[in-house]
Amino acid sequence: YRTGVIPGTLIGRYDARVSAPVGSTLASDGDPSST
């Protein structure tokens, strides 16, 4: 769900309101809300 709901964007696991573009620094560890 997190990787597919918004194409090209990863949403957070711990806080799904937090999002980051795939390939960005914030998305690099797999959960932008944790990073």
PDB file of all heavy atoms in Angstrom:
ATOM      1  N   TYR A   1       0.831  -1.205   0.000  1.00  0.00           N
ATOM      2  CA  TYR A   1       0.000   0.000   0.000  1.00  0.00           C
ATOM      3  C   TYR A   1       0.868   1.258   0.000  1.00  0.00           C
ATOM      4  O   TYR A   1       0.627   2.186  -0.784  1.00  0.00           O
ATOM      5  CB  TYR A   1      -0.933   0.003   1.217  1.00  0.00           C
ATOM      6  CG  TYR A   1      -1.820   1.230   1.223  1.00  0.00           C
ATOM      7  CD1 TYR A   1      -2.979   1.279   0.455  1.00  0.00           C
ATOM      8  CD2 TYR A   1      -1.473   2.356   1.957  1.00  0.00           C
ATOM      9  CE1 TYR A   1      -3.766   2.421   0.424  1.00  0.00           C
ATOM     10  CE2 TYR A   1      -2.254   3.499   1.941  1.00  0.00           C
ATOM     11  CZ  TYR A   1      -3.395   3.523   1.161  1.00  0.00           C
ATOM     12  OH  TYR A   1      -4.162   4.667   1.115  1.00  0.00           O
ATOM     13  N   ARG A   2       1.868   1.294   0.836  1.00  0.00           N
ATOM     14  CA  ARG A   2       2.684   2.514   0.981  1.00  0.00           C
ATOM     15  C   ARG A   2       3.423   2.876  -0.302  1.00  0.00           C
ATOM     16  O   ARG A   2       3.605   4.051  -0.614  1.00  0.00           O
ATOM     17  CB  ARG A   2       3.703   2.341   2.113  1.00  0.00           C
ATOM     18  CG  ARG A   2       3.084   2.205   3.488  1.00  0.00           C
ATOM     19  CD  ARG A   2       4.096   2.322   4.605  1.00  0.00           C
ATOM     20  NE  ARG A   2       5.238   1.443   4.464  1.00  0.00           N
ATOM     21  CZ  ARG A   2       6.485   1.851   4.271  1.00  0.00           C
ATOM     22  NH1 ARG A   2       6.765   3.133   4.164  1.00  0.00           N
ATOM     23  NH2 ARG A   2       7.463   0.968   4.183  1.00  0.00           N
ATOM     24  N   THR A   3       3.853   1.865  -1.026  1.00  0.00           N
ATOM     25  CA  THR A   3       4.615   2.123  -2.246  1.00  0.00           C
ATOM     26  C   THR A   3       3.729   2.320  -3.469  1.00  0.00           C
ATOM     27  O   THR A   3       4.183   2.848  -4.484  1.00  0.00           O
ATOM     28  CB  THR A   3       5.589   0.972  -2.526  1.00  0.00           C
ATOM     29  OG1 THR A   3       4.863  -0.263  -2.616  1.00  0.00           O
ATOM     30  CG2 THR A   3       6.636   0.851  -1.417  1.00  0.00           C
ATOM     31  N   GLY A   4       2.456   1.910  -3.369  1.00  0.00           N
ATOM     32  CA  GLY A   4       1.607   1.929  -4.551  1.00  0.00           C
ATOM     33  C   GLY A   4       0.499   2.946  -4.572  1.00  0.00           C
ATOM     34  O   GLY A   4      -0.057   3.233  -5.641  1.00  0.00           O
ATOM     35  N   VAL A   5       0.156   3.520  -3.416  1.00  0.00           N
ATOM     36  CA  VAL A   5      -1.038   4.355  -3.380  1.00  0.00           C
ATOM     37  C   VAL A   5      -0.858   5.674  -4.127  1.00  0.00           C
ATOM     38  O   VAL A   5      -1.808   6.186  -4.727  1.00  0.00           O
ATOM     39  CB  VAL A   5      -1.492   4.596  -1.923  1.00  0.00           C
ATOM     40  CG1 VAL A   5      -0.480   5.451  -1.159  1.00  0.00           C
ATOM     41  CG2 VAL A   5      -2.878   5.229  -1.898  1.00  0.00           C
ATOM     42  N   ILE A   6       0.340   6.231  -4.122  1.00  0.00           N
ATOM     43  CA  ILE A   6       0.632   7.462  -4.865  1.00  0.00           C
ATOM     44  C   ILE A   6       1.833   7.180  -5.766  1.00  0.00           C
ATOM     45  O   ILE A   6       2.949   7.036  -5.264  1.00  0.00           O
ATOM     46  CB  ILE A   6       0.944   8.643  -3.925  1.00  0.00           C
ATOM     47  CG1 ILE A   6      -0.205   8.858  -2.929  1.00  0.00           C
ATOM     48  CG2 ILE A   6       1.189   9.924  -4.734  1.00  0.00           C
ATOM     49  CD1 ILE A   6       0.104   9.908  -1.869  1.00  0.00           C
ATOM     50  N   PRO A   7       1.643   7.050  -7.056  1.00  0.00           N
ATOM     51  CA  PRO A   7       2.769   6.702  -7.944  1.00  0.00           C
ATOM     52  C   PRO A   7       3.944   7.656  -7.766  1.00  0.00           C
ATOM     53  O   PRO A   7       3.780   8.880  -7.707  1.00  0.00           O
ATOM     54  CB  PRO A   7       2.154   6.822  -9.340  1.00  0.00           C
ATOM     55  CG  PRO A   7       0.686   6.562  -9.129  1.00  0.00           C
ATOM     56  CD  PRO A   7       0.365   7.182  -7.795  1.00  0.00           C
ATOM     57  N   GLY A   8       5.144   7.067  -7.629  1.00  0.00           N
ATOM     58  CA  GLY A   8       6.355   7.861  -7.500  1.00  0.00           C
ATOM     59  C   GLY A   8       6.600   8.410  -6.114  1.00  0.00           C
ATOM     60  O   GLY A   8       7.567   9.141  -5.894  1.00  0.00           O
ATOM     61  N   THR A   9       5.743   8.039  -5.164  1.00  0.00           N
ATOM     62  CA  THR A   9       5.839   8.565  -3.803  1.00  0.00           C
ATOM     63  C   THR A   9       5.788   7.423  -2.801  1.00  0.00           C
ATOM     64  O   THR A   9       5.059   6.450  -2.988  1.00  0.00           O
ATOM     65  CB  THR A   9       4.675   9.543  -3.518  1.00  0.00           C
ATOM     66  OG1 THR A   9       4.762  10.650  -4.409  1.00  0.00           O
ATOM     67  CG2 THR A   9       4.710  10.050  -2.088  1.00  0.00           C
ATOM     68  N   LEU A  10       6.567   7.549  -1.734  1.00  0.00           N
ATOM     69  CA  LEU A  10       6.531   6.600  -0.622  1.00  0.00           C
ATOM     70  C   LEU A  10       5.906   7.300   0.567  1.00  0.00           C
ATOM     71  O   LEU A  10       6.351   8.377   0.968  1.00  0.00           O
ATOM     72  CB  LEU A  10       7.950   6.141  -0.267  1.00  0.00           C
ATOM     73  CG  LEU A  10       8.074   5.190   0.932  1.00  0.00           C
ATOM     74  CD1 LEU A  10       7.442   3.835   0.620  1.00  0.00           C
ATOM     75  CD2 LEU A  10       9.545   5.016   1.331  1.00  0.00           C
ATOM     76  N   ILE A  11       4.862   6.697   1.137  1.00  0.00           N
ATOM     77  CA  ILE A  11       4.271   7.269   2.347  1.00  0.00           C
ATOM     78  C   ILE A  11       4.791   6.516   3.565  1.00  0.00           C
ATOM     79  O   ILE A  11       5.276   5.392   3.472  1.00  0.00           O
ATOM     80  CB  ILE A  11       2.734   7.275   2.316  1.00  0.00           C
ATOM     81  CG1 ILE A  11       2.172   5.854   2.384  1.00  0.00           C
ATOM     82  CG2 ILE A  11       2.225   7.994   1.069  1.00  0.00           C
ATOM     83  CD1 ILE A  11       0.657   5.817   2.613  1.00  0.00           C
ATOM     84  N   GLY A  12       4.688   7.147   4.723  1.00  0.00           N
ATOM     85  CA  GLY A  12       5.284   6.612   5.935  1.00  0.00           C
ATOM     86  C   GLY A  12       4.548   5.407   6.482  1.00  0.00           C
ATOM     87  O   GLY A  12       3.331   5.276   6.336  1.00  0.00           O
ATOM     88  N   ARG A  13       5.295   4.546   7.127  1.00  0.00           N
ATOM     89  CA  ARG A  13       4.716   3.415   7.843  1.00  0.00           C
ATOM     90  C   ARG A  13       4.287   3.858   9.239  1.00  0.00           C
ATOM     91  O   ARG A  13       3.177   3.572   9.683  1.00  0.00           O
ATOM     92  CB  ARG A  13       5.739   2.278   7.943  1.00  0.00           C
ATOM     93  CG  ARG A  13       5.237   1.065   8.715  1.00  0.00           C
ATOM     94  CD  ARG A  13       6.290  -0.038   8.737  1.00  0.00           C
ATOM     95  NE  ARG A  13       5.862  -1.185   9.518  1.00  0.00           N
ATOM     96  CZ  ARG A  13       5.054  -2.148   9.063  1.00  0.00           C
ATOM     97  NH1 ARG A  13       4.593  -2.083   7.829  1.00  0.00           N
ATOM     98  NH2 ARG A  13       4.709  -3.157   9.832  1.00  0.00           N
ATOM     99  N   TYR A  14       5.151   4.563   9.918  1.00  0.00           N
ATOM    100  CA  TYR A  14       4.830   5.009  11.274  1.00  0.00           C
ATOM    101  C   TYR A  14       3.904   6.203  11.276  1.00  0.00           C
ATOM    102  O   TYR A  14       3.142   6.387  12.226  1.00  0.00           O
ATOM    103  CB  TYR A  14       6.116   5.272  12.053  1.00  0.00           C
ATOM    104  CG  TYR A  14       6.838   3.982  12.299  1.00  0.00           C
ATOM    105  CD1 TYR A  14       7.885   3.582  11.492  1.00  0.00           C
ATOM    106  CD2 TYR A  14       6.401   3.119  13.290  1.00  0.00           C
ATOM    107  CE1 TYR A  14       8.498   2.359  11.679  1.00  0.00           C
ATOM    108  CE2 TYR A  14       7.007   1.892  13.479  1.00  0.00           C
ATOM    109  CZ  TYR A  14       8.057   1.523  12.671  1.00  0.00           C
ATOM    110  OH  TYR A  14       8.640   0.296  12.848  1.00  0.00           O
ATOM    111  N   ASP A  15       3.946   7.000  10.253  1.00  0.00           N
ATOM    112  CA  ASP A  15       2.982   8.085  10.095  1.00  0.00           C
ATOM    113  C   ASP A  15       2.695   8.213   8.608  1.00  0.00           C
ATOM    114  O   ASP A  15       3.507   8.744   7.847  1.00  0.00           O
ATOM    115  CB  ASP A  15       3.508   9.400  10.664  1.00  0.00           C
ATOM    116  CG  ASP A  15       2.425  10.460  10.772  1.00  0.00           C
ATOM    117  OD1 ASP A  15       1.467  10.417   9.975  1.00  0.00           O
ATOM    118  OD2 ASP A  15       2.537  11.328  11.658  1.00  0.00           O
ATOM    119  N   ALA A  16       1.535   7.712   8.180  1.00  0.00           N
ATOM    120  CA  ALA A  16       1.208   7.667   6.755  1.00  0.00           C
ATOM    121  C   ALA A  16       0.948   9.047   6.178  1.00  0.00           C
ATOM    122  O   ALA A  16       0.843   9.187   4.959  1.00  0.00           O
ATOM    123  CB  ALA A  16      -0.015   6.777   6.529  1.00  0.00           C
ATOM    124  N   ARG A  17       0.880  10.066   7.004  1.00  0.00           N
ATOM    125  CA  ARG A  17       0.702  11.424   6.504  1.00  0.00           C
ATOM    126  C   ARG A  17       2.001  11.979   5.929  1.00  0.00           C
ATOM    127  O   ARG A  17       1.985  12.929   5.150  1.00  0.00           O
ATOM    128  CB  ARG A  17       0.201  12.333   7.624  1.00  0.00           C
ATOM    129  CG  ARG A  17      -1.129  11.889   8.226  1.00  0.00           C
ATOM    130  CD  ARG A  17      -1.468  12.715   9.453  1.00  0.00           C
ATOM    131  NE  ARG A  17      -0.422  12.643  10.466  1.00  0.00           N
ATOM    132  CZ  ARG A  17      -0.360  13.424  11.542  1.00  0.00           C
ATOM    133  NH1 ARG A  17      -1.298  14.339  11.751  1.00  0.00           N
ATOM    134  NH2 ARG A  17       0.616  13.283  12.418  1.00  0.00           N
ATOM    135  N   VAL A  18       3.127  11.411   6.342  1.00  0.00           N
ATOM    136  CA  VAL A  18       4.440  11.858   5.870  1.00  0.00           C
ATOM    137  C   VAL A  18       4.749  11.140   4.562  1.00  0.00           C
ATOM    138  O   VAL A  18       4.603   9.920   4.460  1.00  0.00           O
ATOM    139  CB  VAL A  18       5.528  11.574   6.916  1.00  0.00           C
ATOM    140  CG1 VAL A  18       6.899  12.007   6.405  1.00  0.00           C
ATOM    141  CG2 VAL A  18       5.201  12.285   8.236  1.00  0.00           C
ATOM    142  N   SER A  19       5.194  11.883   3.558  1.00  0.00           N
ATOM    143  CA  SER A  19       5.501  11.275   2.266  1.00  0.00           C
ATOM    144  C   SER A  19       6.762  11.895   1.696  1.00  0.00           C
ATOM    145  O   SER A  19       7.190  12.986   2.100  1.00  0.00           O
ATOM    146  CB  SER A  19       4.334  11.476   1.291  1.00  0.00           C
ATOM    147  OG  SER A  19       4.136  12.859   1.024  1.00  0.00           O
ATOM    148  N   ALA A  20       7.351  11.183   0.744  1.00  0.00           N
ATOM    149  CA  ALA A  20       8.569  11.666   0.091  1.00  0.00           C
ATOM    150  C   ALA A  20       8.663  11.038  -1.295  1.00  0.00           C
ATOM    151  O   ALA A  20       8.225   9.894  -1.500  1.00  0.00           O
ATOM    152  CB  ALA A  20       9.809  11.305   0.909  1.00  0.00           C
ATOM    153  N   PRO A  21       9.239  11.745  -2.252  1.00  0.00           N
ATOM    154  CA  PRO A  21       9.431  11.160  -3.579  1.00  0.00           C
ATOM    155  C   PRO A  21      10.338   9.934  -3.523  1.00  0.00           C
ATOM    156  O   PRO A  21      11.339   9.923  -2.790  1.00  0.00           O
ATOM    157  CB  PRO A  21      10.083  12.293  -4.380  1.00  0.00           C
ATOM    158  CG  PRO A  21       9.753  13.544  -3.630  1.00  0.00           C
ATOM    159  CD  PRO A  21       9.694  13.154  -2.191  1.00  0.00           C
ATOM    160  N   VAL A  22       9.985   8.916  -4.268  1.00  0.00           N
ATOM    161  CA  VAL A  22      10.850   7.743  -4.369  1.00  0.00           C
ATOM    162  C   VAL A  22      12.213   8.171  -4.899  1.00  0.00           C
ATOM    163  O   VAL A  22      12.317   8.945  -5.853  1.00  0.00           O
ATOM    164  CB  VAL A  22      10.218   6.686  -5.295  1.00  0.00           C
ATOM    165  CG1 VAL A  22      11.188   5.544  -5.556  1.00  0.00           C
ATOM    166  CG2 VAL A  22       8.923   6.153  -4.688  1.00  0.00           C
ATOM    167  N   GLY A  23      13.271   7.694  -4.264  1.00  0.00           N
ATOM    168  CA  GLY A  23      14.625   8.072  -4.652  1.00  0.00           C
ATOM    169  C   GLY A  23      15.174   9.250  -3.887  1.00  0.00           C
ATOM    170  O   GLY A  23      16.372   9.553  -3.988  1.00  0.00           O
ATOM    171  N   SER A  24      14.345   9.924  -3.092  1.00  0.00           N
ATOM    172  CA  SER A  24      14.803  11.067  -2.308  1.00  0.00           C
ATOM    173  C   SER A  24      15.524  10.587  -1.054  1.00  0.00           C
ATOM    174  O   SER A  24      15.404   9.427  -0.637  1.00  0.00           O
ATOM    175  CB  SER A  24      13.641  11.965  -1.923  1.00  0.00           C
ATOM    176  OG  SER A  24      12.772  11.292  -1.015  1.00  0.00           O
ATOM    177  N   THR A  25      16.264  11.489  -0.439  1.00  0.00           N
ATOM    178  CA  THR A  25      16.959  11.153   0.805  1.00  0.00           C
ATOM    179  C   THR A  25      15.975  10.716   1.876  1.00  0.00           C
ATOM    180  O   THR A  25      16.215   9.751   2.611  1.00  0.00           O
ATOM    181  CB  THR A  25      17.768  12.357   1.302  1.00  0.00           C
ATOM    182  OG1 THR A  25      18.742  12.702   0.308  1.00  0.00           O
ATOM    183  CG2 THR A  25      18.476  12.051   2.608  1.00  0.00           C
ATOM    184  N   LEU A  26      14.847  11.395   1.962  1.00  0.00           N
ATOM    185  CA  LEU A  26      13.878  11.093   3.000  1.00  0.00           C
ATOM    186  C   LEU A  26      13.262   9.713   2.815  1.00  0.00           C
ATOM    187  O   LEU A  26      12.856   9.073   3.784  1.00  0.00           O
ATOM    188  CB  LEU A  26      12.784  12.161   3.007  1.00  0.00           C
ATOM    189  CG  LEU A  26      11.926  12.299   4.269  1.00  0.00           C
ATOM    190  CD1 LEU A  26      12.799  12.517   5.497  1.00  0.00           C
ATOM    191  CD2 LEU A  26      10.937  13.436   4.109  1.00  0.00           C
ATOM    192  N   ALA A  27      13.212   9.234   1.585  1.00  0.00           N
ATOM    193  CA  ALA A  27      12.630   7.912   1.312  1.00  0.00           C
ATOM    194  C   ALA A  27      13.675   6.802   1.299  1.00  0.00           C
ATOM    195  O   ALA A  27      13.320   5.625   1.189  1.00  0.00           O
ATOM    196  CB  ALA A  27      11.900   7.930  -0.032  1.00  0.00           C
ATOM    197  N   SER A  28      14.934   7.144   1.448  1.00  0.00           N
ATOM    198  CA  SER A  28      16.014   6.183   1.182  1.00  0.00           C
ATOM    199  C   SER A  28      16.067   5.030   2.170  1.00  0.00           C
ATOM    200  O   SER A  28      16.546   3.946   1.835  1.00  0.00           O
ATOM    201  CB  SER A  28      17.364   6.909   1.166  1.00  0.00           C
ATOM    202  OG  SER A  28      17.611   7.510   2.433  1.00  0.00           O
ATOM    203  N   ASP A  29      15.583   5.229   3.407  1.00  0.00           N
ATOM    204  CA  ASP A  29      15.629   4.160   4.404  1.00  0.00           C
ATOM    205  C   ASP A  29      14.329   3.384   4.502  1.00  0.00           C
ATOM    206  O   ASP A  29      14.162   2.552   5.395  1.00  0.00           O
ATOM    207  CB  ASP A  29      15.997   4.735   5.776  1.00  0.00           C
ATOM    208  CG  ASP A  29      17.438   5.195   5.835  1.00  0.00           C
ATOM    209  OD1 ASP A  29      18.270   4.628   5.102  1.00  0.00           O
ATOM    210  OD2 ASP A  29      17.735   6.126   6.606  1.00  0.00           O
ATOM    211  N   GLY A  30      13.367   3.680   3.620  1.00  0.00           N
ATOM    212  CA  GLY A  30      12.156   2.882   3.561  1.00  0.00           C
ATOM    213  C   GLY A  30      10.961   3.425   4.314  1.00  0.00           C
ATOM    214  O   GLY A  30       9.853   2.930   4.136  1.00  0.00           O
ATOM    215  N   ASP A  31      11.171   4.437   5.140  1.00  0.00           N
ATOM    216  CA  ASP A  31      10.052   5.047   5.859  1.00  0.00           C
ATOM    217  C   ASP A  31      10.375   6.512   6.121  1.00  0.00           C
ATOM    218  O   ASP A  31      11.128   6.832   7.051  1.00  0.00           O
ATOM    219  CB  ASP A  31       9.775   4.332   7.175  1.00  0.00           C
ATOM    220  CG  ASP A  31       8.561   4.911   7.905  1.00  0.00           C
ATOM    221  OD1 ASP A  31       8.020   5.942   7.465  1.00  0.00           O
ATOM    222  OD2 ASP A  31       8.159   4.324   8.929  1.00  0.00           O
ATOM    223  N   PRO A  32       9.818   7.424   5.330  1.00  0.00           N
ATOM    224  CA  PRO A  32      10.145   8.842   5.523  1.00  0.00           C
ATOM    225  C   PRO A  32       9.745   9.373   6.887  1.00  0.00           C
ATOM    226  O   PRO A  32      10.398  10.282   7.411  1.00  0.00           O
ATOM    227  CB  PRO A  32       9.374   9.545   4.398  1.00  0.00           C
ATOM    228  CG  PRO A  32       8.335   8.574   3.954  1.00  0.00           C
ATOM    229  CD  PRO A  32       8.904   7.216   4.185  1.00  0.00           C
ATOM    230  N   SER A  33       8.715   8.805   7.510  1.00  0.00           N
ATOM    231  CA  SER A  33       8.307   9.298   8.823  1.00  0.00           C
ATOM    232  C   SER A  33       9.303   8.911   9.904  1.00  0.00           C
ATOM    233  O   SER A  33       9.409   9.591  10.933  1.00  0.00           O
ATOM    234  CB  SER A  33       6.909   8.789   9.179  1.00  0.00           C
ATOM    235  OG  SER A  33       6.856   7.382   9.286  1.00  0.00           O
ATOM    236  N   SER A  34      10.046   7.840   9.705  1.00  0.00           N
ATOM    237  CA  SER A  34      11.097   7.442  10.633  1.00  0.00           C
ATOM    238  C   SER A  34      12.392   8.211  10.360  1.00  0.00           C
ATOM    239  O   SER A  34      13.031   8.731  11.278  1.00  0.00           O
ATOM    240  CB  SER A  34      11.345   5.938  10.522  1.00  0.00           C
ATOM    241  OG  SER A  34      12.400   5.539  11.353  1.00  0.00           O
ATOM    242  N   THR A  35      12.759   8.287   9.090  1.00  0.00           N
ATOM    243  CA  THR A  35      13.977   8.999   8.720  1.00  0.00           C
ATOM    244  C   THR A  35      13.928  10.461   9.152  1.00  0.00           C
ATOM    245  O   THR A  35      14.934  11.040   9.573  1.00  0.00           O
ATOM    246  CB  THR A  35      14.199   8.901   7.202  1.00  0.00           C
ATOM    247  OG1 THR A  35      14.309   7.519   6.842  1.00  0.00           O
ATOM    248  CG2 THR A  35      15.451   9.635   6.777  1.00  0.00           C
TER     249      THR A  35
END
